[in-house]
Amino acid sequence: MAIPESVNKTSILLESGTNELEIIEFKVADEIFGINVAKVREIMVAQKVKPMPNSHHVVEGVFKPRNEIITVINLAKYLGLPECDDSGRDIFIITHFNNLNFAFHVHTVVGIDRISWKAIKKPDKAVYGGQDGAATGIAEYENRLITILDFEKIVAEISPESSIQIEDIEKMGTRQAIEKPILIAEDSMLLSKMIIECLHQAGYQNTIKTDNGQEAWDFLQEIKASGDPIKAHVACIVSDIEMPLMDGHRLTKLVKEDPLLKTIPLVLFSSLISEEMRIKGRQLGADEQISKPEIGKLVTIIDNLTANH
């Protein structure tokens, strides 16, 4: 399928809460990978870059399209795969997430696929470094397997200052222990660990961690079946958007349409938060939406949403 010179995110955002995503399928060496279209700002032919001294070994350098300096990350180097023999056909995928822009150097762009999150499974522990590796999911599409890469983790390794900052919690000073249970839905092992550590440091010791929206939904169903008061088990839900099996938008839709669960405050905490995504989140009933690096602001939001519970 032909790929346009640029990808307009507004025109391809899917209907809210359908548990589907569109991925751009691309190749590095002979391996097939995918990235959520919602993370992609533009696709262009690879450009000449200016090397930067003392940079991370997978950073090729920077280039300046339209008066904007963008860092270029070589995915082949990061993944330990061979470079392409014919580099003249290489591609830059320009991304925007966590309020930052990066270019990922790949070898070929194949096309755009629409896939259900149910078709995306957790990667085997042996794939690209295991649970702490670069793969966030494996999608099966038309008899081929597509590795969905954890681009947030890649950027966090290369540019730690762009990821969640525990220092934001330390600035809050000493806080009392808070027993209110917080349900977390996050598929990235690295980010879920950081989120939980930050919440614990902020006093929220009672955290329930799930790997995706489906696991969070199953947990909520177990609480309903028990007959116990819902708020005794979950005072607030913090959910990523991109997750295998069930995404955060679908989880939000299910929670806010449920007569017993809809009163639980739900925060979408995602690298994808943009004005378009905010519209989707509001339509689905999310109580708050916040971009992932802002962990200090997340704690303040949880404080406010649970103040009367």
C-alpha atoms as a PDB file:
ATOM      1  CA  MET A   1       0.000   0.000   0.000  1.00  0.00           C
ATOM      2  CA  ALA A   2       1.336   3.430  -0.895  1.00  0.00           C
ATOM      3  CA  ILE A   3       2.215   5.755   1.967  1.00  0.00           C
ATOM      4  CA  PRO A   4       1.586   9.487   1.582  1.00  0.00           C
ATOM      5  CA  GLU A   5       4.453  11.958   1.999  1.00  0.00           C
ATOM      6  CA  SER A   6       2.932  13.037   5.293  1.00  0.00           C
ATOM      7  CA  VAL A   7       0.492  11.401   7.673  1.00  0.00           C
ATOM      8  CA  ASN A   8      -2.368  13.555   8.866  1.00  0.00           C
ATOM      9  CA  LYS A   9      -3.301  12.197  12.289  1.00  0.00           C
ATOM     10  CA  THR A  10      -6.571  14.071  12.465  1.00  0.00           C
ATOM     11  CA  SER A  11      -7.932  12.409   9.329  1.00  0.00           C
ATOM     12  CA  ILE A  12      -7.122   8.857  10.386  1.00  0.00           C
ATOM     13  CA  LEU A  13      -8.087   8.826  14.039  1.00  0.00           C
ATOM     14  CA  LEU A  14     -10.474   5.970  14.549  1.00  0.00           C
ATOM     15  CA  GLU A  15     -13.903   6.084  16.119  1.00  0.00           C
ATOM     16  CA  SER A  16     -13.602   6.279  19.889  1.00  0.00           C
ATOM     17  CA  GLY A  17     -13.562   3.127  21.990  1.00  0.00           C
ATOM     18  CA  THR A  18     -13.563   0.549  19.159  1.00  0.00           C
ATOM     19  CA  ASN A  19     -10.398  -1.148  20.485  1.00  0.00           C
ATOM     20  CA  GLU A  20      -8.736  -0.753  17.096  1.00  0.00           C
ATOM     21  CA  LEU A  21      -5.602   1.012  15.977  1.00  0.00           C
ATOM     22  CA  GLU A  22      -3.900   1.775  12.709  1.00  0.00           C
ATOM     23  CA  ILE A  23      -0.228   0.898  12.467  1.00  0.00           C
ATOM     24  CA  ILE A  24       2.392   1.853   9.946  1.00  0.00           C
ATOM     25  CA  GLU A  25       4.188  -1.336   8.960  1.00  0.00           C
ATOM     26  CA  PHE A  26       7.886  -0.964   8.175  1.00  0.00           C
ATOM     27  CA  LYS A  27      11.028  -3.043   7.806  1.00  0.00           C
ATOM     28  CA  VAL A  28      14.471  -2.898   9.352  1.00  0.00           C
ATOM     29  CA  ALA A  29      16.736  -5.401   7.571  1.00  0.00           C
ATOM     30  CA  ASP A  30      14.254  -8.204   6.781  1.00  0.00           C
ATOM     31  CA  GLU A  31      12.307  -7.872  10.043  1.00  0.00           C
ATOM     32  CA  ILE A  32       8.756  -6.450  10.079  1.00  0.00           C
ATOM     33  CA  PHE A  33       7.831  -3.852  12.705  1.00  0.00           C
ATOM     34  CA  GLY A  34       4.932  -1.548  13.439  1.00  0.00           C
ATOM     35  CA  ILE A  35       4.218   1.823  15.026  1.00  0.00           C
ATOM     36  CA  ASN A  36       0.868   3.300  16.003  1.00  0.00           C
ATOM     37  CA  VAL A  37      -0.170   5.922  13.427  1.00  0.00           C
ATOM     38  CA  ALA A  38      -1.178   8.188  16.330  1.00  0.00           C
ATOM     39  CA  LYS A  39       2.540   8.524  17.141  1.00  0.00           C
ATOM     40  CA  VAL A  40       3.532   9.433  13.562  1.00  0.00           C
ATOM     41  CA  ARG A  41       3.689  13.000  12.342  1.00  0.00           C
ATOM     42  CA  GLU A  42       5.315  12.493   8.960  1.00  0.00           C
ATOM     43  CA  ILE A  43       7.155  10.029   6.709  1.00  0.00           C
ATOM     44  CA  MET A  44       9.961  11.186   4.449  1.00  0.00           C
ATOM     45  CA  VAL A  45      12.954   9.930   2.491  1.00  0.00           C
ATOM     46  CA  ALA A  46      16.048   9.720   4.719  1.00  0.00           C
ATOM     47  CA  GLN A  47      17.980  12.977   4.826  1.00  0.00           C
ATOM     48  CA  LYS A  48      21.618  13.874   5.420  1.00  0.00           C
ATOM     49  CA  VAL A  49      22.191  14.392   9.154  1.00  0.00           C
ATOM     50  CA  LYS A  50      24.740  16.318  11.192  1.00  0.00           C
ATOM     51  CA  PRO A  51      26.549  14.004  13.658  1.00  0.00           C
ATOM     52  CA  MET A  52      26.552  15.142  17.285  1.00  0.00           C
ATOM     53  CA  PRO A  53      29.667  14.550  19.406  1.00  0.00           C
ATOM     54  CA  ASN A  54      29.314  12.423  22.566  1.00  0.00           C
ATOM     55  CA  SER A  55      25.767  11.384  21.671  1.00  0.00           C
ATOM     56  CA  HIS A  56      24.262   7.934  22.287  1.00  0.00           C
ATOM     57  CA  HIS A  57      25.708   5.371  19.884  1.00  0.00           C
ATOM     58  CA  VAL A  58      22.343   4.787  18.154  1.00  0.00           C
ATOM     59  CA  VAL A  59      21.822   8.508  17.512  1.00  0.00           C
ATOM     60  CA  GLU A  60      22.902   9.331  13.946  1.00  0.00           C
ATOM     61  CA  GLY A  61      22.742  13.052  14.550  1.00  0.00           C
ATOM     62  CA  VAL A  62      20.241  15.816  13.814  1.00  0.00           C
ATOM     63  CA  PHE A  63      18.617  17.366  10.768  1.00  0.00           C
ATOM     64  CA  LYS A  64      16.497  20.445  10.270  1.00  0.00           C
ATOM     65  CA  PRO A  65      13.300  20.095   8.226  1.00  0.00           C
ATOM     66  CA  ARG A  66      11.265  23.311   8.080  1.00  0.00           C
ATOM     67  CA  ASN A  67      13.320  25.197  10.692  1.00  0.00           C
ATOM     68  CA  GLU A  68      12.989  22.493  13.343  1.00  0.00           C
ATOM     69  CA  ILE A  69      15.927  20.486  14.672  1.00  0.00           C
ATOM     70  CA  ILE A  70      15.066  16.776  15.081  1.00  0.00           C
ATOM     71  CA  THR A  71      17.214  13.983  16.525  1.00  0.00           C
ATOM     72  CA  VAL A  72      17.586  10.902  14.280  1.00  0.00           C
ATOM     73  CA  ILE A  73      17.654   7.436  15.897  1.00  0.00           C
ATOM     74  CA  ASN A  74      19.013   4.507  13.873  1.00  0.00           C
ATOM     75  CA  LEU A  75      16.670   1.584  14.593  1.00  0.00           C
ATOM     76  CA  ALA A  76      18.951  -0.987  12.967  1.00  0.00           C
ATOM     77  CA  LYS A  77      21.727  -0.089  15.416  1.00  0.00           C
ATOM     78  CA  TYR A  78      19.342  -0.053  18.365  1.00  0.00           C
ATOM     79  CA  LEU A  79      17.925  -3.480  17.507  1.00  0.00           C
ATOM     80  CA  GLY A  80      21.287  -4.990  16.571  1.00  0.00           C
ATOM     81  CA  LEU A  81      20.199  -5.617  12.975  1.00  0.00           C
ATOM     82  CA  PRO A  82      22.287  -5.131   9.792  1.00  0.00           C
ATOM     83  CA  GLU A  83      22.170  -1.899   7.855  1.00  0.00           C
ATOM     84  CA  CYS A  84      20.490  -1.853   4.431  1.00  0.00           C
ATOM     85  CA  ASP A  85      22.793  -2.355   1.426  1.00  0.00           C
ATOM     86  CA  ASP A  86      20.869   0.251  -0.601  1.00  0.00           C
ATOM     87  CA  SER A  87      20.591   3.111   1.909  1.00  0.00           C
ATOM     88  CA  GLY A  88      19.364   5.471  -0.813  1.00  0.00           C
ATOM     89  CA  ARG A  89      15.833   4.149  -0.291  1.00  0.00           C
ATOM     90  CA  ASP A  90      15.848   4.469   3.504  1.00  0.00           C
ATOM     91  CA  ILE A  91      13.041   6.284   5.298  1.00  0.00           C
ATOM     92  CA  PHE A  92      12.685   8.621   8.283  1.00  0.00           C
ATOM     93  CA  ILE A  93       9.544   8.133  10.376  1.00  0.00           C
ATOM     94  CA  ILE A  94       8.999  11.419  12.217  1.00  0.00           C
ATOM     95  CA  THR A  95       7.215  10.799  15.507  1.00  0.00           C
ATOM     96  CA  HIS A  96       5.512  12.978  18.099  1.00  0.00           C
ATOM     97  CA  PHE A  97       4.828  11.671  21.593  1.00  0.00           C
ATOM     98  CA  ASN A  98       5.577  12.805  25.142  1.00  0.00           C
ATOM     99  CA  ASN A  99       5.453  16.290  23.579  1.00  0.00           C
ATOM    100  CA  LEU A 100       8.718  15.559  21.723  1.00  0.00           C
ATOM    101  CA  ASN A 101       9.695  14.924  18.092  1.00  0.00           C
ATOM    102  CA  PHE A 102      12.145  12.232  16.969  1.00  0.00           C
ATOM    103  CA  ALA A 103      13.041  10.704  13.601  1.00  0.00           C
ATOM    104  CA  PHE A 104      13.474   6.933  13.409  1.00  0.00           C
ATOM    105  CA  HIS A 105      15.674   5.726  10.540  1.00  0.00           C
ATOM    106  CA  VAL A 106      14.135   2.588   8.966  1.00  0.00           C
ATOM    107  CA  HIS A 107      14.722   0.773   5.683  1.00  0.00           C
ATOM    108  CA  THR A 108      11.301   0.396   4.052  1.00  0.00           C
ATOM    109  CA  VAL A 109       7.732   1.455   4.804  1.00  0.00           C
ATOM    110  CA  VAL A 110       5.246  -1.233   3.740  1.00  0.00           C
ATOM    111  CA  GLY A 111       1.807   0.250   4.399  1.00  0.00           C
ATOM    112  CA  ILE A 112      -0.917   1.072   6.912  1.00  0.00           C
ATOM    113  CA  ASP A 113      -2.881  -1.707   8.603  1.00  0.00           C
ATOM    114  CA  ARG A 114      -6.002  -1.497  10.755  1.00  0.00           C
ATOM    115  CA  ILE A 115      -5.771  -4.015  13.579  1.00  0.00           C
ATOM    116  CA  SER A 116      -7.784  -4.868  16.681  1.00  0.00           C
ATOM    117  CA  TRP A 117      -5.861  -4.629  19.940  1.00  0.00           C
ATOM    118  CA  LYS A 118      -7.156  -8.166  20.575  1.00  0.00           C
ATOM    119  CA  ALA A 119      -4.869  -9.339  17.761  1.00  0.00           C
ATOM    120  CA  ILE A 120      -1.823  -7.939  19.565  1.00  0.00           C
ATOM    121  CA  LYS A 121      -0.264 -10.279  22.117  1.00  0.00           C
ATOM    122  CA  LYS A 122       2.472  -9.802  24.680  1.00  0.00           C
ATOM    123  CA  PRO A 123       5.873 -10.672  23.205  1.00  0.00           C
ATOM    124  CA  ASP A 124       7.662 -13.815  24.303  1.00  0.00           C
ATOM    125  CA  LYS A 125      10.355 -13.150  26.902  1.00  0.00           C
ATOM    126  CA  ALA A 126      13.018 -14.097  24.367  1.00  0.00           C
ATOM    127  CA  VAL A 127      11.954 -11.442  21.848  1.00  0.00           C
ATOM    128  CA  TYR A 128      14.125  -8.312  21.749  1.00  0.00           C
ATOM    129  CA  GLY A 129      15.345  -8.439  25.315  1.00  0.00           C
ATOM    130  CA  GLY A 130      12.441 -10.067  27.115  1.00  0.00           C
ATOM    131  CA  GLN A 131      10.106  -8.246  29.490  1.00  0.00           C
ATOM    132  CA  ASP A 132      12.436  -5.248  29.619  1.00  0.00           C
ATOM    133  CA  GLY A 133      13.042  -5.340  25.868  1.00  0.00           C
ATOM    134  CA  ALA A 134      12.012  -3.166  22.959  1.00  0.00           C
ATOM    135  CA  ALA A 135       8.892  -5.084  21.876  1.00  0.00           C
ATOM    136  CA  THR A 136       5.584  -4.105  23.439  1.00  0.00           C
ATOM    137  CA  GLY A 137       3.442  -6.522  21.405  1.00  0.00           C
ATOM    138  CA  ILE A 138       3.272  -8.960  18.500  1.00  0.00           C
ATOM    139  CA  ALA A 139       0.474  -8.416  15.977  1.00  0.00           C
ATOM    140  CA  GLU A 140      -0.763 -11.124  13.642  1.00  0.00           C
ATOM    141  CA  TYR A 141      -2.046  -9.628  10.409  1.00  0.00           C
ATOM    142  CA  GLU A 142      -2.777 -11.436   7.129  1.00  0.00           C
ATOM    143  CA  ASN A 143      -0.612 -14.433   8.060  1.00  0.00           C
ATOM    144  CA  ARG A 144       2.427 -12.409   9.101  1.00  0.00           C
ATOM    145  CA  LEU A 145       3.750 -11.327  12.481  1.00  0.00           C
ATOM    146  CA  ILE A 146       4.478  -7.656  13.120  1.00  0.00           C
ATOM    147  CA  THR A 147       6.564  -6.605  16.120  1.00  0.00           C
ATOM    148  CA  ILE A 148       5.140  -3.476  17.762  1.00  0.00           C
ATOM    149  CA  LEU A 149       8.088  -1.612  19.226  1.00  0.00           C
ATOM    150  CA  ASP A 150       8.074   0.241  22.545  1.00  0.00           C
ATOM    151  CA  PHE A 151       9.171   3.609  21.188  1.00  0.00           C
ATOM    152  CA  GLU A 152       8.708   5.264  24.588  1.00  0.00           C
ATOM    153  CA  LYS A 153      11.259   2.891  26.091  1.00  0.00           C
ATOM    154  CA  ILE A 154      13.696   3.469  23.235  1.00  0.00           C
ATOM    155  CA  VAL A 155      13.529   7.243  23.717  1.00  0.00           C
ATOM    156  CA  ALA A 156      13.725   6.892  27.521  1.00  0.00           C
ATOM    157  CA  GLU A 157      16.980   4.936  27.182  1.00  0.00           C
ATOM    158  CA  ILE A 158      18.502   7.445  24.788  1.00  0.00           C
ATOM    159  CA  SER A 159      17.129  10.566  26.479  1.00  0.00           C
ATOM    160  CA  PRO A 160      16.291   9.767  30.142  1.00  0.00           C
ATOM    161  CA  GLU A 161      15.390  13.380  30.876  1.00  0.00           C
ATOM    162  CA  SER A 162      12.407  13.060  28.502  1.00  0.00           C
ATOM    163  CA  SER A 163      10.855  10.220  30.510  1.00  0.00           C
ATOM    164  CA  ILE A 164       9.116  10.099  33.887  1.00  0.00           C
ATOM    165  CA  GLN A 165      11.036  12.137  36.440  1.00  0.00           C
ATOM    166  CA  ILE A 166      11.064  10.825  40.011  1.00  0.00           C
ATOM    167  CA  GLU A 167      12.545  14.193  41.006  1.00  0.00           C
ATOM    168  CA  ASP A 168       9.083  15.716  40.500  1.00  0.00           C
ATOM    169  CA  ILE A 169       7.822  13.562  43.371  1.00  0.00           C
ATOM    170  CA  GLU A 170      10.808  14.360  45.571  1.00  0.00           C
ATOM    171  CA  LYS A 171       9.991  18.065  45.236  1.00  0.00           C
ATOM    172  CA  MET A 172       6.647  17.388  46.926  1.00  0.00           C
ATOM    173  CA  GLY A 173       8.459  16.614  50.155  1.00  0.00           C
ATOM    174  CA  THR A 174       7.358  14.086  52.778  1.00  0.00           C
ATOM    175  CA  ARG A 175       3.802  12.863  52.338  1.00  0.00           C
ATOM    176  CA  GLN A 176       1.680  10.658  54.552  1.00  0.00           C
ATOM    177  CA  ALA A 177       0.838   7.091  53.536  1.00  0.00           C
ATOM    178  CA  ILE A 178      -2.466   6.882  51.642  1.00  0.00           C
ATOM    179  CA  GLU A 179      -4.407   3.622  51.685  1.00  0.00           C
ATOM    180  CA  LYS A 180      -6.681   4.415  48.739  1.00  0.00           C
ATOM    181  CA  PRO A 181      -6.190   1.651  46.119  1.00  0.00           C
ATOM    182  CA  ILE A 182      -5.015   2.803  42.688  1.00  0.00           C
ATOM    183  CA  LEU A 183      -5.544   0.490  39.695  1.00  0.00           C
ATOM    184  CA  ILE A 184      -2.868   0.889  37.001  1.00  0.00           C
ATOM    185  CA  ALA A 185      -3.162  -0.392  33.417  1.00  0.00           C
ATOM    186  CA  GLU A 186       0.201  -0.103  31.653  1.00  0.00           C
ATOM    187  CA  ASP A 187       1.873  -2.565  29.289  1.00  0.00           C
ATOM    188  CA  SER A 188       5.427  -1.190  29.390  1.00  0.00           C
ATOM    189  CA  MET A 189       7.427  -2.962  32.091  1.00  0.00           C
ATOM    190  CA  LEU A 190       9.804  -0.023  32.416  1.00  0.00           C
ATOM    191  CA  LEU A 191       7.131   2.651  32.659  1.00  0.00           C
ATOM    192  CA  SER A 192       4.798   0.703  34.958  1.00  0.00           C
ATOM    193  CA  LYS A 193       7.704   0.148  37.350  1.00  0.00           C
ATOM    194  CA  MET A 194       8.523   3.865  37.307  1.00  0.00           C
ATOM    195  CA  ILE A 195       4.877   4.876  37.790  1.00  0.00           C
ATOM    196  CA  ILE A 196       4.435   2.518  40.751  1.00  0.00           C
ATOM    197  CA  GLU A 197       7.688   3.672  42.361  1.00  0.00           C
ATOM    198  CA  CYS A 198       6.579   7.305  42.019  1.00  0.00           C
ATOM    199  CA  LEU A 199       3.112   6.637  43.436  1.00  0.00           C
ATOM    200  CA  HIS A 200       4.591   4.717  46.373  1.00  0.00           C
ATOM    201  CA  GLN A 201       6.993   7.573  47.073  1.00  0.00           C
ATOM    202  CA  ALA A 202       4.026   9.977  46.966  1.00  0.00           C
ATOM    203  CA  GLY A 203       2.251   7.896  49.625  1.00  0.00           C
ATOM    204  CA  TYR A 204       0.003   5.735  47.440  1.00  0.00           C
ATOM    205  CA  GLN A 205       1.244   2.382  48.729  1.00  0.00           C
ATOM    206  CA  ASN A 206      -1.821   0.381  47.657  1.00  0.00           C
ATOM    207  CA  THR A 207      -1.363  -0.088  43.890  1.00  0.00           C
ATOM    208  CA  ILE A 208      -2.798  -2.832  41.680  1.00  0.00           C
ATOM    209  CA  LYS A 209      -0.794  -3.322  38.490  1.00  0.00           C
ATOM    210  CA  THR A 210      -2.304  -4.799  35.313  1.00  0.00           C
ATOM    211  CA  ASP A 211      -0.588  -5.199  31.944  1.00  0.00           C
ATOM    212  CA  ASN A 212      -3.426  -3.979  29.726  1.00  0.00           C
ATOM    213  CA  GLY A 213      -7.029  -2.831  29.623  1.00  0.00           C
ATOM    214  CA  GLN A 214      -8.365  -6.388  29.453  1.00  0.00           C
ATOM    215  CA  GLU A 215      -6.643  -7.388  32.695  1.00  0.00           C
ATOM    216  CA  ALA A 216      -7.886  -4.201  34.371  1.00  0.00           C
ATOM    217  CA  TRP A 217     -11.436  -4.866  33.144  1.00  0.00           C
ATOM    218  CA  ASP A 218     -11.306  -8.470  34.358  1.00  0.00           C
ATOM    219  CA  PHE A 219     -10.172  -7.240  37.789  1.00  0.00           C
ATOM    220  CA  LEU A 220     -13.077  -4.782  37.919  1.00  0.00           C
ATOM    221  CA  GLN A 221     -15.502  -7.570  37.011  1.00  0.00           C
ATOM    222  CA  GLU A 222     -14.164  -9.683  39.886  1.00  0.00           C
ATOM    223  CA  ILE A 223     -14.823  -6.805  42.284  1.00  0.00           C
ATOM    224  CA  LYS A 224     -18.377  -6.440  40.987  1.00  0.00           C
ATOM    225  CA  ALA A 225     -18.986 -10.170  41.386  1.00  0.00           C
ATOM    226  CA  SER A 226     -17.725 -10.091  45.001  1.00  0.00           C
ATOM    227  CA  GLY A 227     -20.471  -7.711  46.055  1.00  0.00           C
ATOM    228  CA  ASP A 228     -17.986  -5.562  47.993  1.00  0.00           C
ATOM    229  CA  PRO A 229     -18.123  -1.761  47.724  1.00  0.00           C
ATOM    230  CA  ILE A 230     -16.271  -0.811  44.535  1.00  0.00           C
ATOM    231  CA  LYS A 231     -14.313   2.061  46.112  1.00  0.00           C
ATOM    232  CA  ALA A 232     -12.930  -0.306  48.773  1.00  0.00           C
ATOM    233  CA  HIS A 233     -10.936  -2.000  46.007  1.00  0.00           C
ATOM    234  CA  VAL A 234     -10.380   0.811  43.460  1.00  0.00           C
ATOM    235  CA  ALA A 235     -10.363   4.507  44.317  1.00  0.00           C
ATOM    236  CA  CYS A 236      -8.908   5.627  40.973  1.00  0.00           C
ATOM    237  CA  ILE A 237      -7.865   4.096  37.644  1.00  0.00           C
ATOM    238  CA  VAL A 238      -4.705   5.243  35.845  1.00  0.00           C
ATOM    239  CA  SER A 239      -4.557   3.869  32.304  1.00  0.00           C
ATOM    240  CA  ASP A 240      -2.249   4.041  29.324  1.00  0.00           C
ATOM    241  CA  ILE A 241      -3.919   4.286  25.899  1.00  0.00           C
ATOM    242  CA  GLU A 242      -1.760   1.937  23.805  1.00  0.00           C
ATOM    243  CA  MET A 243      -2.035  -1.613  25.200  1.00  0.00           C
ATOM    244  CA  PRO A 244      -2.401  -5.144  23.780  1.00  0.00           C
ATOM    245  CA  LEU A 245      -5.765  -6.959  24.005  1.00  0.00           C
ATOM    246  CA  MET A 246      -7.668  -3.842  25.135  1.00  0.00           C
ATOM    247  CA  ASP A 247      -6.563  -0.219  24.843  1.00  0.00           C
ATOM    248  CA  GLY A 248      -7.199   2.569  27.309  1.00  0.00           C
ATOM    249  CA  HIS A 249      -9.966   4.175  25.282  1.00  0.00           C
ATOM    250  CA  ARG A 250     -11.937   0.932  25.171  1.00  0.00           C
ATOM    251  CA  LEU A 251     -11.401   0.453  28.922  1.00  0.00           C
ATOM    252  CA  THR A 252     -12.627   4.007  29.552  1.00  0.00           C
ATOM    253  CA  LYS A 253     -15.741   3.404  27.447  1.00  0.00           C
ATOM    254  CA  LEU A 254     -16.587   0.181  29.303  1.00  0.00           C
ATOM    255  CA  VAL A 255     -16.008   1.689  32.748  1.00  0.00           C
ATOM    256  CA  LYS A 256     -18.009   4.849  32.110  1.00  0.00           C
ATOM    257  CA  GLU A 257     -20.936   2.927  30.602  1.00  0.00           C
ATOM    258  CA  ASP A 258     -21.147   0.582  33.609  1.00  0.00           C
ATOM    259  CA  PRO A 259     -23.690   1.671  36.279  1.00  0.00           C
ATOM    260  CA  LEU A 260     -21.511   0.451  39.175  1.00  0.00           C
ATOM    261  CA  LEU A 261     -18.072   1.394  37.885  1.00  0.00           C
ATOM    262  CA  LYS A 262     -18.727   4.769  36.258  1.00  0.00           C
ATOM    263  CA  THR A 263     -18.164   6.702  39.491  1.00  0.00           C
ATOM    264  CA  ILE A 264     -14.513   5.551  39.694  1.00  0.00           C
ATOM    265  CA  PRO A 265     -12.275   8.439  38.593  1.00  0.00           C
ATOM    266  CA  LEU A 266     -10.269   7.453  35.506  1.00  0.00           C
ATOM    267  CA  VAL A 267      -7.093   9.177  34.322  1.00  0.00           C
ATOM    268  CA  LEU A 268      -5.599   8.556  30.885  1.00  0.00           C
ATOM    269  CA  PHE A 269      -1.821   8.807  31.367  1.00  0.00           C
ATOM    270  CA  SER A 270      -0.267   8.427  27.946  1.00  0.00           C
ATOM    271  CA  SER A 271       2.484   9.649  25.642  1.00  0.00           C
ATOM    272  CA  LEU A 272      -0.210  10.100  22.973  1.00  0.00           C
ATOM    273  CA  ILE A 273      -2.133  12.899  24.669  1.00  0.00           C
ATOM    274  CA  SER A 274      -2.776  15.600  22.060  1.00  0.00           C
ATOM    275  CA  GLU A 275      -5.721  17.860  21.313  1.00  0.00           C
ATOM    276  CA  GLU A 276      -7.255  15.191  19.052  1.00  0.00           C
ATOM    277  CA  MET A 277      -6.764  12.543  21.721  1.00  0.00           C
ATOM    278  CA  ARG A 278      -8.228  14.830  24.381  1.00  0.00           C
ATOM    279  CA  ILE A 279     -11.402  15.082  22.315  1.00  0.00           C
ATOM    280  CA  LYS A 280     -11.633  11.284  22.160  1.00  0.00           C
ATOM    281  CA  GLY A 281     -10.973  10.938  25.885  1.00  0.00           C
ATOM    282  CA  ARG A 282     -13.620  13.504  26.792  1.00  0.00           C
ATOM    283  CA  GLN A 283     -16.169  11.797  24.548  1.00  0.00           C
ATOM    284  CA  LEU A 284     -15.534   8.534  26.378  1.00  0.00           C
ATOM    285  CA  GLY A 285     -15.819  10.076  29.846  1.00  0.00           C
ATOM    286  CA  ALA A 286     -12.206  10.191  31.053  1.00  0.00           C
ATOM    287  CA  ASP A 287     -12.003  12.381  34.159  1.00  0.00           C
ATOM    288  CA  GLU A 288      -8.483  13.637  33.359  1.00  0.00           C
ATOM    289  CA  GLN A 289      -5.886  13.206  30.607  1.00  0.00           C
ATOM    290  CA  ILE A 290      -2.189  13.868  31.047  1.00  0.00           C
ATOM    291  CA  SER A 291       1.015  13.282  29.107  1.00  0.00           C
ATOM    292  CA  LYS A 292       3.351  10.692  30.573  1.00  0.00           C
ATOM    293  CA  PRO A 293       6.389  12.685  31.688  1.00  0.00           C
ATOM    294  CA  GLU A 294       4.273  14.760  34.091  1.00  0.00           C
ATOM    295  CA  ILE A 295       4.269  12.324  37.026  1.00  0.00           C
ATOM    296  CA  GLY A 296       4.085  15.096  39.631  1.00  0.00           C
ATOM    297  CA  LYS A 297       0.957  16.470  38.000  1.00  0.00           C
ATOM    298  CA  LEU A 298      -0.503  12.924  37.927  1.00  0.00           C
ATOM    299  CA  VAL A 299      -0.150  12.650  41.707  1.00  0.00           C
ATOM    300  CA  THR A 300      -1.877  16.017  42.177  1.00  0.00           C
ATOM    301  CA  ILE A 301      -4.716  14.890  39.889  1.00  0.00           C
ATOM    302  CA  ILE A 302      -5.156  11.635  41.852  1.00  0.00           C
ATOM    303  CA  ASP A 303      -5.164  13.662  45.100  1.00  0.00           C
ATOM    304  CA  ASN A 304      -7.961  15.885  43.766  1.00  0.00           C
ATOM    305  CA  LEU A 305     -10.049  13.095  42.200  1.00  0.00           C
ATOM    306  CA  THR A 306      -9.969  10.935  45.352  1.00  0.00           C
ATOM    307  CA  ALA A 307     -10.262  13.737  47.910  1.00  0.00           C
ATOM    308  CA  ASN A 308     -13.906  12.985  48.701  1.00  0.00           C
ATOM    309  CA  HIS A 309     -13.652   9.199  48.635  1.00  0.00           C
END
